[in-house]
Amino acid sequence: MTPADAQAWLLARFAGLVPISAWGEVALFHNPGATLPRGAYFATIKTGDGAHDRASRLGDGRWRFNFGMDAAAFSARFGPRPPRPAKAGVIEGAWDFAGTGVLTPHPVYGWMGWAAIVNPDATALEALAPELRASHARAVAIWEKRMRGQRTDRAPQVFSRVRLRASS
């Protein structure tokens, strides 16, 4: 599976995704109709190391799929969330962030509940379907909340005080 295959696999299974290339990766946002500037993060596909993210040794055909997990799913799979790493560091733990086809906490954003897998195949993505559905549902909920905040179809509520004066 290539990064393009993984992107196509996700786009075919999760409605409302909009891919945006930025920061050396493709970010998949839930944003039906591109109604918000970005939408709500769902997942990313990273094809090369960055200045602060080299733990997976990406590039030369190595790429990483990343997605957010809710706290309960993350804890069930990996234990408690690790502390935030120092700047340009990785989270602490016994994970091999460069291992191929193995789900680990994200080397940098594991403290936020993100997970990562280097060079997943279709079988690995299918096995992650329950977690991916939960992650997508969370992105949908975030998007819906943001959309409620963006609504312009409601008349603004204007309150004013009217001072009554006695006439003489």
C-alpha atoms as a PDB file:
ATOM      1  CA  MET A   1       0.000   0.000   0.000  1.00  0.00           C
ATOM      2  CA  THR A   2       1.250   3.471  -0.873  1.00  0.00           C
ATOM      3  CA  PRO A   3       0.347   6.742   0.837  1.00  0.00           C
ATOM      4  CA  ALA A   4      -1.985   7.485  -2.100  1.00  0.00           C
ATOM      5  CA  ASP A   5      -3.643   4.066  -1.635  1.00  0.00           C
ATOM      6  CA  ALA A   6      -4.162   4.769   2.073  1.00  0.00           C
ATOM      7  CA  GLN A   7      -5.649   8.169   1.292  1.00  0.00           C
ATOM      8  CA  ALA A   8      -8.022   6.622  -1.266  1.00  0.00           C
ATOM      9  CA  TRP A   9      -8.955   3.870   1.236  1.00  0.00           C
ATOM     10  CA  LEU A  10      -9.871   6.502   3.849  1.00  0.00           C
ATOM     11  CA  LEU A  11     -11.739   8.759   1.415  1.00  0.00           C
ATOM     12  CA  ALA A  12     -13.833   5.791   0.257  1.00  0.00           C
ATOM     13  CA  ARG A  13     -14.837   4.833   3.798  1.00  0.00           C
ATOM     14  CA  PHE A  14     -15.309   8.118   5.661  1.00  0.00           C
ATOM     15  CA  ALA A  15     -17.689  10.747   4.338  1.00  0.00           C
ATOM     16  CA  GLY A  16     -16.845  14.427   4.371  1.00  0.00           C
ATOM     17  CA  LEU A  17     -13.053  14.175   4.335  1.00  0.00           C
ATOM     18  CA  VAL A  18     -11.010  16.881   2.665  1.00  0.00           C
ATOM     19  CA  PRO A  19      -7.280  16.226   2.114  1.00  0.00           C
ATOM     20  CA  ILE A  20      -4.942  19.198   2.513  1.00  0.00           C
ATOM     21  CA  SER A  21      -1.221  19.019   1.809  1.00  0.00           C
ATOM     22  CA  ALA A  22       0.790  20.994   4.331  1.00  0.00           C
ATOM     23  CA  TRP A  23       3.828  20.669   6.559  1.00  0.00           C
ATOM     24  CA  GLY A  24       5.195  17.732   4.539  1.00  0.00           C
ATOM     25  CA  GLU A  25       2.111  15.592   4.983  1.00  0.00           C
ATOM     26  CA  VAL A  26      -1.454  15.160   3.827  1.00  0.00           C
ATOM     27  CA  ALA A  27      -3.903  16.077   6.564  1.00  0.00           C
ATOM     28  CA  LEU A  28      -7.402  14.658   6.287  1.00  0.00           C
ATOM     29  CA  PHE A  29      -9.980  16.979   7.805  1.00  0.00           C
ATOM     30  CA  HIS A  30     -13.678  16.284   8.262  1.00  0.00           C
ATOM     31  CA  ASN A  31     -15.044  19.292   6.419  1.00  0.00           C
ATOM     32  CA  PRO A  32     -17.952  18.458   4.085  1.00  0.00           C
ATOM     33  CA  GLY A  33     -18.118  20.952   1.255  1.00  0.00           C
ATOM     34  CA  ALA A  34     -15.024  22.707   2.635  1.00  0.00           C
ATOM     35  CA  THR A  35     -17.368  24.846   4.719  1.00  0.00           C
ATOM     36  CA  LEU A  36     -14.724  25.826   7.284  1.00  0.00           C
ATOM     37  CA  PRO A  37     -11.156  27.016   6.643  1.00  0.00           C
ATOM     38  CA  ARG A  38      -9.793  23.605   7.713  1.00  0.00           C
ATOM     39  CA  GLY A  39     -12.451  21.553   9.481  1.00  0.00           C
ATOM     40  CA  ALA A  40     -11.656  19.008  12.182  1.00  0.00           C
ATOM     41  CA  TYR A  41      -8.501  16.886  12.078  1.00  0.00           C
ATOM     42  CA  PHE A  42      -9.129  13.202  11.443  1.00  0.00           C
ATOM     43  CA  ALA A  43      -5.815  11.727  10.294  1.00  0.00           C
ATOM     44  CA  THR A  44      -2.523  12.479   8.573  1.00  0.00           C
ATOM     45  CA  ILE A  45      -0.227  10.687   6.157  1.00  0.00           C
ATOM     46  CA  LYS A  46       3.414  11.704   6.534  1.00  0.00           C
ATOM     47  CA  THR A  47       5.978  10.696   3.915  1.00  0.00           C
ATOM     48  CA  GLY A  48       9.178  12.251   5.238  1.00  0.00           C
ATOM     49  CA  ASP A  49      10.902  13.176   8.451  1.00  0.00           C
ATOM     50  CA  GLY A  50      10.499  16.687   9.770  1.00  0.00           C
ATOM     51  CA  ALA A  51      12.793  18.857  11.835  1.00  0.00           C
ATOM     52  CA  HIS A  52      11.146  17.698  15.071  1.00  0.00           C
ATOM     53  CA  ASP A  53       9.901  14.270  14.010  1.00  0.00           C
ATOM     54  CA  ARG A  54      12.539  11.761  12.907  1.00  0.00           C
ATOM     55  CA  ALA A  55      11.707   8.788  15.130  1.00  0.00           C
ATOM     56  CA  SER A  56      10.073   6.746  12.357  1.00  0.00           C
ATOM     57  CA  ARG A  57      12.873   7.247   9.815  1.00  0.00           C
ATOM     58  CA  LEU A  58      10.446   8.255   7.066  1.00  0.00           C
ATOM     59  CA  GLY A  59      11.312   8.714   3.400  1.00  0.00           C
ATOM     60  CA  ASP A  60      12.626   6.375   0.709  1.00  0.00           C
ATOM     61  CA  GLY A  61       9.317   4.500   0.608  1.00  0.00           C
ATOM     62  CA  ARG A  62       8.706   4.680   4.359  1.00  0.00           C
ATOM     63  CA  TRP A  63       5.627   6.630   5.415  1.00  0.00           C
ATOM     64  CA  ARG A  64       3.400   6.864   8.457  1.00  0.00           C
ATOM     65  CA  PHE A  65      -0.346   6.965   8.982  1.00  0.00           C
ATOM     66  CA  ASN A  66      -1.441   8.901  12.096  1.00  0.00           C
ATOM     67  CA  PHE A  67      -4.826   9.372  13.722  1.00  0.00           C
ATOM     68  CA  GLY A  68      -6.296  10.552  17.006  1.00  0.00           C
ATOM     69  CA  MET A  69      -7.808   8.111  19.495  1.00  0.00           C
ATOM     70  CA  ASP A  70     -10.169   8.858  22.336  1.00  0.00           C
ATOM     71  CA  ALA A  71      -8.704   8.571  25.818  1.00  0.00           C
ATOM     72  CA  ALA A  72     -10.326   5.207  26.630  1.00  0.00           C
ATOM     73  CA  ALA A  73      -9.201   3.525  23.390  1.00  0.00           C
ATOM     74  CA  PHE A  74      -5.686   4.926  23.724  1.00  0.00           C
ATOM     75  CA  SER A  75      -5.390   3.742  27.338  1.00  0.00           C
ATOM     76  CA  ALA A  76      -6.782   0.308  26.506  1.00  0.00           C
ATOM     77  CA  ARG A  77      -4.188  -0.185  23.800  1.00  0.00           C
ATOM     78  CA  PHE A  78      -1.119   1.617  25.196  1.00  0.00           C
ATOM     79  CA  GLY A  79      -1.738   2.432  28.850  1.00  0.00           C
ATOM     80  CA  PRO A  80      -1.926   5.970  30.220  1.00  0.00           C
ATOM     81  CA  ARG A  81      -0.993   8.809  27.926  1.00  0.00           C
ATOM     82  CA  PRO A  82       2.697   9.642  28.242  1.00  0.00           C
ATOM     83  CA  PRO A  83       3.818  13.117  29.254  1.00  0.00           C
ATOM     84  CA  ARG A  84       4.507  15.716  26.593  1.00  0.00           C
ATOM     85  CA  PRO A  85       8.069  15.340  25.288  1.00  0.00           C
ATOM     86  CA  ALA A  86      10.653  18.088  25.444  1.00  0.00           C
ATOM     87  CA  LYS A  87      10.899  20.291  22.357  1.00  0.00           C
ATOM     88  CA  ALA A  88      12.216  18.255  19.392  1.00  0.00           C
ATOM     89  CA  GLY A  89      11.922  15.083  21.500  1.00  0.00           C
ATOM     90  CA  VAL A  90       9.771  11.971  21.389  1.00  0.00           C
ATOM     91  CA  ILE A  91       7.501  10.512  24.027  1.00  0.00           C
ATOM     92  CA  GLU A  92       9.061   8.104  26.482  1.00  0.00           C
ATOM     93  CA  GLY A  93       8.194   4.425  26.307  1.00  0.00           C
ATOM     94  CA  ALA A  94       9.298   1.051  25.020  1.00  0.00           C
ATOM     95  CA  TRP A  95       7.819   1.529  21.545  1.00  0.00           C
ATOM     96  CA  ASP A  96       9.706   1.063  18.301  1.00  0.00           C
ATOM     97  CA  PHE A  97       8.459   4.087  16.353  1.00  0.00           C
ATOM     98  CA  ALA A  98      10.322   2.901  13.246  1.00  0.00           C
ATOM     99  CA  GLY A  99       8.816  -0.604  13.270  1.00  0.00           C
ATOM    100  CA  THR A 100       6.798  -1.397  10.168  1.00  0.00           C
ATOM    101  CA  GLY A 101       3.140  -2.370  10.396  1.00  0.00           C
ATOM    102  CA  VAL A 102       2.908  -1.963  14.184  1.00  0.00           C
ATOM    103  CA  LEU A 103       0.546   0.502  15.843  1.00  0.00           C
ATOM    104  CA  THR A 104       2.303   2.692  18.416  1.00  0.00           C
ATOM    105  CA  PRO A 105       1.551   5.995  20.065  1.00  0.00           C
ATOM    106  CA  HIS A 106       2.584   8.825  17.781  1.00  0.00           C
ATOM    107  CA  PRO A 107       6.252   9.546  18.592  1.00  0.00           C
ATOM    108  CA  VAL A 108       5.615  13.272  19.127  1.00  0.00           C
ATOM    109  CA  TYR A 109       1.840  13.585  19.672  1.00  0.00           C
ATOM    110  CA  GLY A 110       1.186  10.419  21.675  1.00  0.00           C
ATOM    111  CA  TRP A 111       0.686  12.640  24.716  1.00  0.00           C
ATOM    112  CA  MET A 112      -2.378  14.031  22.897  1.00  0.00           C
ATOM    113  CA  GLY A 113      -3.773  10.552  22.197  1.00  0.00           C
ATOM    114  CA  TRP A 114      -2.534  10.194  18.622  1.00  0.00           C
ATOM    115  CA  ALA A 115      -1.450   6.798  17.281  1.00  0.00           C
ATOM    116  CA  ALA A 116       0.799   5.948  14.335  1.00  0.00           C
ATOM    117  CA  ILE A 117       1.674   3.034  12.085  1.00  0.00           C
ATOM    118  CA  VAL A 118       4.563   2.954   9.621  1.00  0.00           C
ATOM    119  CA  ASN A 119       3.770   1.482   6.182  1.00  0.00           C
ATOM    120  CA  PRO A 120       0.398  -0.058   7.039  1.00  0.00           C
ATOM    121  CA  ASP A 121      -1.194  -2.434   4.567  1.00  0.00           C
ATOM    122  CA  ALA A 122      -4.933  -2.786   3.894  1.00  0.00           C
ATOM    123  CA  THR A 123      -5.218  -5.574   6.483  1.00  0.00           C
ATOM    124  CA  ALA A 124      -3.758  -3.302   9.176  1.00  0.00           C
ATOM    125  CA  LEU A 125      -6.135  -0.472   8.277  1.00  0.00           C
ATOM    126  CA  GLU A 126      -9.115  -2.869   8.283  1.00  0.00           C
ATOM    127  CA  ALA A 127      -8.052  -4.094  11.730  1.00  0.00           C
ATOM    128  CA  LEU A 128      -8.079  -0.468  12.920  1.00  0.00           C
ATOM    129  CA  ALA A 129     -11.600   0.142  11.558  1.00  0.00           C
ATOM    130  CA  PRO A 130     -13.286   0.398  15.004  1.00  0.00           C
ATOM    131  CA  GLU A 131     -10.742   2.965  16.216  1.00  0.00           C
ATOM    132  CA  LEU A 132     -10.921   4.845  12.915  1.00  0.00           C
ATOM    133  CA  ARG A 133     -14.724   4.989  13.068  1.00  0.00           C
ATOM    134  CA  ALA A 134     -14.517   6.390  16.607  1.00  0.00           C
ATOM    135  CA  SER A 135     -11.882   8.908  15.525  1.00  0.00           C
ATOM    136  CA  HIS A 136     -13.997   9.993  12.568  1.00  0.00           C
ATOM    137  CA  ALA A 137     -17.085  10.317  14.780  1.00  0.00           C
ATOM    138  CA  ARG A 138     -15.101  12.589  17.098  1.00  0.00           C
ATOM    139  CA  ALA A 139     -13.974  14.715  14.124  1.00  0.00           C
ATOM    140  CA  VAL A 140     -17.600  14.951  12.951  1.00  0.00           C
ATOM    141  CA  ALA A 141     -18.699  16.109  16.422  1.00  0.00           C
ATOM    142  CA  ILE A 142     -15.954  18.752  16.531  1.00  0.00           C
ATOM    143  CA  TRP A 143     -16.885  19.951  13.039  1.00  0.00           C
ATOM    144  CA  GLU A 144     -20.576  20.156  13.976  1.00  0.00           C
ATOM    145  CA  LYS A 145     -19.749  22.182  17.082  1.00  0.00           C
ATOM    146  CA  ARG A 146     -17.647  24.573  15.016  1.00  0.00           C
ATOM    147  CA  MET A 147     -20.426  24.873  12.456  1.00  0.00           C
ATOM    148  CA  ARG A 148     -22.911  25.820  15.179  1.00  0.00           C
ATOM    149  CA  GLY A 149     -20.516  28.597  16.152  1.00  0.00           C
ATOM    150  CA  GLN A 150     -20.323  29.757  12.512  1.00  0.00           C
ATOM    151  CA  ARG A 151     -24.062  29.907  11.917  1.00  0.00           C
ATOM    152  CA  THR A 152     -25.313  33.043  10.277  1.00  0.00           C
ATOM    153  CA  ASP A 153     -28.840  31.868   9.496  1.00  0.00           C
ATOM    154  CA  ARG A 154     -30.143  32.918  12.895  1.00  0.00           C
ATOM    155  CA  ALA A 155     -31.231  36.473  13.492  1.00  0.00           C
ATOM    156  CA  PRO A 156     -28.948  38.151  15.990  1.00  0.00           C
ATOM    157  CA  GLN A 157     -30.412  38.743  19.396  1.00  0.00           C
ATOM    158  CA  VAL A 158     -30.422  42.417  20.162  1.00  0.00           C
ATOM    159  CA  PHE A 159     -31.399  43.580  23.579  1.00  0.00           C
ATOM    160  CA  SER A 160     -31.895  47.206  24.400  1.00  0.00           C
ATOM    161  CA  ARG A 161     -33.284  49.109  27.300  1.00  0.00           C
ATOM    162  CA  VAL A 162     -35.940  51.599  26.663  1.00  0.00           C
ATOM    163  CA  ARG A 163     -36.049  54.382  29.189  1.00  0.00           C
ATOM    164  CA  LEU A 164     -39.498  55.694  29.790  1.00  0.00           C
ATOM    165  CA  ARG A 165     -39.726  59.288  30.858  1.00  0.00           C
ATOM    166  CA  ALA A 166     -42.713  60.780  32.537  1.00  0.00           C
ATOM    167  CA  SER A 167     -44.142  63.628  30.558  1.00  0.00           C
ATOM    168  CA  SER A 168     -45.230  66.788  32.309  1.00  0.00           C
END
